[in-house]
N, C-alpha and C. Protein backbone atom coordinates (compact mmCIF):
# COMPACT_ATOMS: atom_id res chain seq x y z
N UNK A 1 0.82 -1.19 0.01
CA UNK A 1 0.01 0.03 0.02
C UNK A 1 0.89 1.26 -0.01
N UNK A 2 1.81 1.32 0.95
CA UNK A 2 2.63 2.57 0.96
C UNK A 2 4.10 2.04 0.64
N UNK A 3 4.83 2.88 -0.05
CA UNK A 3 6.07 2.47 -0.57
C UNK A 3 7.25 3.46 0.03
N UNK A 4 7.19 3.66 1.33
CA UNK A 4 8.19 4.47 2.02
C UNK A 4 9.19 3.47 2.57
N UNK A 5 10.44 3.98 2.55
CA UNK A 5 11.51 3.18 3.10
C UNK A 5 11.52 3.17 4.66
N UNK A 6 12.04 2.21 5.31
CA UNK A 6 12.19 2.14 6.69
C UNK A 6 12.97 3.34 7.14
N UNK A 7 14.07 3.74 6.33
CA UNK A 7 14.94 4.89 6.66
C UNK A 7 14.07 6.19 6.85
N UNK A 8 13.04 6.37 6.04
CA UNK A 8 12.18 7.56 6.24
C UNK A 8 11.40 7.46 7.56
N UNK A 9 10.86 6.21 7.84
CA UNK A 9 10.13 6.06 9.04
C UNK A 9 11.02 6.26 10.25
N UNK A 10 12.24 5.79 10.15
CA UNK A 10 13.17 5.97 11.26
C UNK A 10 13.48 7.42 11.50
N UNK A 11 13.65 8.24 10.38
CA UNK A 11 13.88 9.63 10.56
C UNK A 11 12.73 10.39 11.20
N UNK A 12 11.53 10.01 10.71
CA UNK A 12 10.30 10.53 11.30
C UNK A 12 10.15 10.24 12.81
N UNK A 13 10.42 8.94 13.18
CA UNK A 13 10.31 8.53 14.50
C UNK A 13 11.37 9.18 15.40
N UNK A 14 12.59 9.37 14.89
CA UNK A 14 13.61 10.12 15.66
C UNK A 14 13.24 11.56 15.91
N UNK A 15 12.59 12.28 14.97
CA UNK A 15 12.23 13.63 15.12
C UNK A 15 10.91 13.79 15.94
N UNK A 16 10.02 12.80 15.92
CA UNK A 16 8.67 13.05 16.48
C UNK A 16 8.34 12.04 17.54
N UNK A 17 9.08 10.95 17.69
CA UNK A 17 8.81 9.75 18.64
C UNK A 17 7.49 9.14 18.23
N UNK A 18 7.01 9.25 16.98
CA UNK A 18 5.83 8.52 16.50
C UNK A 18 6.33 7.35 15.69
N UNK A 19 5.76 6.15 16.01
CA UNK A 19 6.32 5.00 15.37
C UNK A 19 5.69 4.68 14.04
N UNK A 20 6.26 3.81 13.26
CA UNK A 20 5.84 3.41 11.94
C UNK A 20 4.33 3.00 11.85
N UNK A 21 3.93 2.16 12.79
CA UNK A 21 2.51 1.67 12.78
C UNK A 21 1.54 2.80 12.98
N UNK A 22 1.86 3.75 13.86
CA UNK A 22 0.99 4.88 14.09
C UNK A 22 0.92 5.75 12.85
N UNK A 23 2.04 5.90 12.21
CA UNK A 23 2.01 6.66 10.93
C UNK A 23 1.24 6.05 9.88
N UNK A 24 1.37 4.74 9.69
CA UNK A 24 0.61 4.09 8.73
C UNK A 24 -0.94 4.02 8.93
N UNK A 25 -1.27 3.93 10.25
CA UNK A 25 -2.69 3.95 10.62
C UNK A 25 -3.25 5.30 10.27
N UNK A 26 -2.51 6.32 10.62
CA UNK A 26 -2.96 7.72 10.30
C UNK A 26 -3.08 7.95 8.81
N UNK A 27 -2.09 7.41 8.07
CA UNK A 27 -2.16 7.50 6.58
C UNK A 27 -3.34 6.88 6.01
N UNK A 28 -3.78 5.71 6.51
CA UNK A 28 -4.93 5.08 6.04
C UNK A 28 -6.15 5.91 6.32
N UNK A 29 -6.24 6.58 7.51
CA UNK A 29 -7.32 7.41 7.89
C UNK A 29 -7.42 8.62 6.95
N UNK A 30 -6.25 9.16 6.57
CA UNK A 30 -6.14 10.30 5.72
C UNK A 30 -6.67 9.89 4.28
N UNK A 31 -6.30 8.77 3.86
CA UNK A 31 -6.70 8.28 2.51
C UNK A 31 -8.24 8.08 2.47
N UNK A 32 -8.85 7.65 3.59
CA UNK A 32 -10.23 7.33 3.56
C UNK A 32 -11.12 8.55 3.77
N UNK A 33 -10.53 9.67 4.36
CA UNK A 33 -11.26 10.85 4.71
C UNK A 33 -11.23 11.96 3.68
N UNK A 34 -12.08 12.87 3.71
CA UNK A 34 -12.14 14.06 2.81
C UNK A 34 -11.23 15.09 3.51
N UNK A 35 -10.10 15.32 2.83
CA UNK A 35 -9.12 16.26 3.39
C UNK A 35 -9.37 17.68 3.03
N UNK A 36 -10.56 17.92 2.40
CA UNK A 36 -10.94 19.28 2.19
C UNK A 36 -12.08 19.66 3.20
N UNK A 37 -12.49 18.76 3.96
CA UNK A 37 -13.52 18.94 5.00
C UNK A 37 -12.85 19.42 6.27
N UNK A 38 -13.31 20.61 6.72
CA UNK A 38 -12.59 21.31 7.91
C UNK A 38 -12.69 20.48 9.15
N UNK A 39 -13.78 19.75 9.36
CA UNK A 39 -13.96 18.97 10.68
C UNK A 39 -12.89 17.74 10.55
N UNK A 40 -12.79 17.10 9.38
CA UNK A 40 -11.82 15.97 9.23
C UNK A 40 -10.48 16.54 9.49
N UNK A 41 -10.12 17.66 9.00
CA UNK A 41 -8.76 18.28 9.13
C UNK A 41 -8.47 18.53 10.55
N UNK A 42 -9.43 19.11 11.26
CA UNK A 42 -9.28 19.42 12.71
C UNK A 42 -9.05 18.13 13.45
N UNK A 43 -9.69 17.14 13.22
CA UNK A 43 -9.61 15.86 13.83
C UNK A 43 -8.17 15.26 13.66
N UNK A 44 -7.70 15.34 12.47
CA UNK A 44 -6.32 14.93 12.12
C UNK A 44 -5.26 15.77 12.88
N UNK A 45 -5.48 17.07 12.85
CA UNK A 45 -4.53 17.93 13.55
C UNK A 45 -4.46 17.64 15.04
N UNK A 46 -5.60 17.39 15.59
CA UNK A 46 -5.67 17.18 16.99
C UNK A 46 -5.03 15.78 17.37
N UNK A 47 -5.31 14.85 16.47
CA UNK A 47 -4.65 13.50 16.59
C UNK A 47 -3.13 13.57 16.53
N UNK A 48 -2.64 14.34 15.53
CA UNK A 48 -1.25 14.57 15.36
C UNK A 48 -0.59 15.25 16.58
N UNK A 49 -1.31 16.31 16.99
CA UNK A 49 -0.85 17.02 18.14
C UNK A 49 -0.71 16.12 19.36
N UNK A 50 -1.71 15.26 19.64
CA UNK A 50 -1.60 14.34 20.73
C UNK A 50 -0.49 13.38 20.60
N UNK A 51 -0.28 12.86 19.37
CA UNK A 51 0.78 11.85 19.09
C UNK A 51 2.19 12.43 19.34
N UNK A 52 2.39 13.70 18.95
CA UNK A 52 3.74 14.19 19.02
C UNK A 52 3.94 15.01 20.35
N UNK A 53 2.82 15.31 21.05
CA UNK A 53 3.02 16.01 22.34
C UNK A 53 3.25 17.54 22.15
N UNK A 54 2.90 17.92 20.89
CA UNK A 54 3.08 19.35 20.54
C UNK A 54 1.74 20.03 20.56
N UNK A 55 1.59 21.14 21.13
CA UNK A 55 0.26 21.85 21.14
C UNK A 55 0.20 22.65 19.83
N UNK A 56 -1.05 22.89 19.43
CA UNK A 56 -1.32 23.60 18.10
C UNK A 56 -2.34 24.68 18.53
N UNK A 57 -2.03 26.00 18.37
CA UNK A 57 -2.89 27.00 18.72
C UNK A 57 -4.01 27.14 17.66
N UNK A 58 -5.04 27.77 17.99
CA UNK A 58 -6.13 28.03 17.03
C UNK A 58 -5.64 28.63 15.71
N UNK A 59 -4.71 29.63 15.90
CA UNK A 59 -4.16 30.31 14.72
C UNK A 59 -3.34 29.29 13.85
N UNK A 60 -2.57 28.51 14.49
CA UNK A 60 -1.78 27.56 13.69
C UNK A 60 -2.74 26.55 13.06
N UNK A 61 -3.73 26.12 13.74
CA UNK A 61 -4.71 25.20 13.23
C UNK A 61 -5.30 25.75 11.93
N UNK A 62 -5.72 27.06 12.01
CA UNK A 62 -6.34 27.65 10.87
C UNK A 62 -5.39 27.78 9.67
N UNK A 63 -4.12 28.01 10.00
CA UNK A 63 -3.11 28.21 8.91
C UNK A 63 -2.89 26.78 8.26
N UNK A 64 -2.86 25.78 9.01
CA UNK A 64 -2.69 24.40 8.51
C UNK A 64 -3.87 24.03 7.64
N UNK A 65 -5.11 24.30 8.15
CA UNK A 65 -6.31 23.96 7.39
C UNK A 65 -6.33 24.76 6.10
N UNK A 66 -6.06 25.96 6.18
CA UNK A 66 -6.06 26.78 4.86
C UNK A 66 -5.00 26.34 3.82
N UNK A 67 -3.81 25.99 4.34
CA UNK A 67 -2.81 25.47 3.46
C UNK A 67 -3.24 24.20 2.78
N UNK A 68 -3.90 23.28 3.52
CA UNK A 68 -4.26 22.01 2.95
C UNK A 68 -5.46 22.28 1.96
N UNK A 69 -6.41 23.06 2.37
CA UNK A 69 -7.59 23.29 1.50
C UNK A 69 -7.18 24.07 0.21
N UNK A 70 -6.07 24.82 0.28
CA UNK A 70 -5.62 25.61 -0.88
C UNK A 70 -4.46 24.84 -1.65
N UNK A 71 -4.28 23.51 -1.28
CA UNK A 71 -3.15 22.77 -2.00
C UNK A 71 -1.85 23.42 -1.87
N UNK A 72 -1.48 23.88 -0.75
CA UNK A 72 -0.18 24.58 -0.49
C UNK A 72 0.80 23.68 0.29
N UNK A 73 0.50 22.37 0.34
CA UNK A 73 1.37 21.50 1.08
C UNK A 73 2.31 20.87 0.05
N UNK A 74 3.65 20.73 0.45
CA UNK A 74 4.59 20.14 -0.48
C UNK A 74 4.32 18.71 -0.86
N UNK A 75 4.47 18.27 -2.09
CA UNK A 75 4.23 16.95 -2.49
C UNK A 75 5.42 16.02 -2.03
N UNK A 76 6.54 16.55 -1.81
CA UNK A 76 7.70 15.78 -1.48
C UNK A 76 7.83 15.88 0.07
N UNK A 77 7.56 14.69 0.76
CA UNK A 77 7.61 14.65 2.21
C UNK A 77 8.96 14.89 2.68
N UNK A 78 10.04 14.62 1.98
CA UNK A 78 11.35 14.93 2.39
C UNK A 78 11.63 16.38 2.68
N UNK A 79 10.85 17.25 2.06
CA UNK A 79 10.98 18.70 2.26
C UNK A 79 10.50 19.12 3.68
N UNK A 80 9.62 18.23 4.17
CA UNK A 80 9.13 18.57 5.50
C UNK A 80 10.12 18.17 6.68
N UNK A 81 11.01 17.27 6.32
CA UNK A 81 11.95 16.66 7.35
C UNK A 81 13.26 17.40 7.32
């Protein structure tokens, strides 16, 4: 289903303390949901916030939602790391 290398997952886990299985489960949820729906986006943001132990302010949440809804998210995940 997903074709990411273990090296990528190791890098993500090292930076966020979120393991591969958690990432894959979230990815499945993202694939099944409507990522232009604000309620789905908020749910995902809150879930990611809880997973990583990082708080997200309402302002940051709105910026993330707007970026996703306006297709302003990089296609290359390596750019995020």
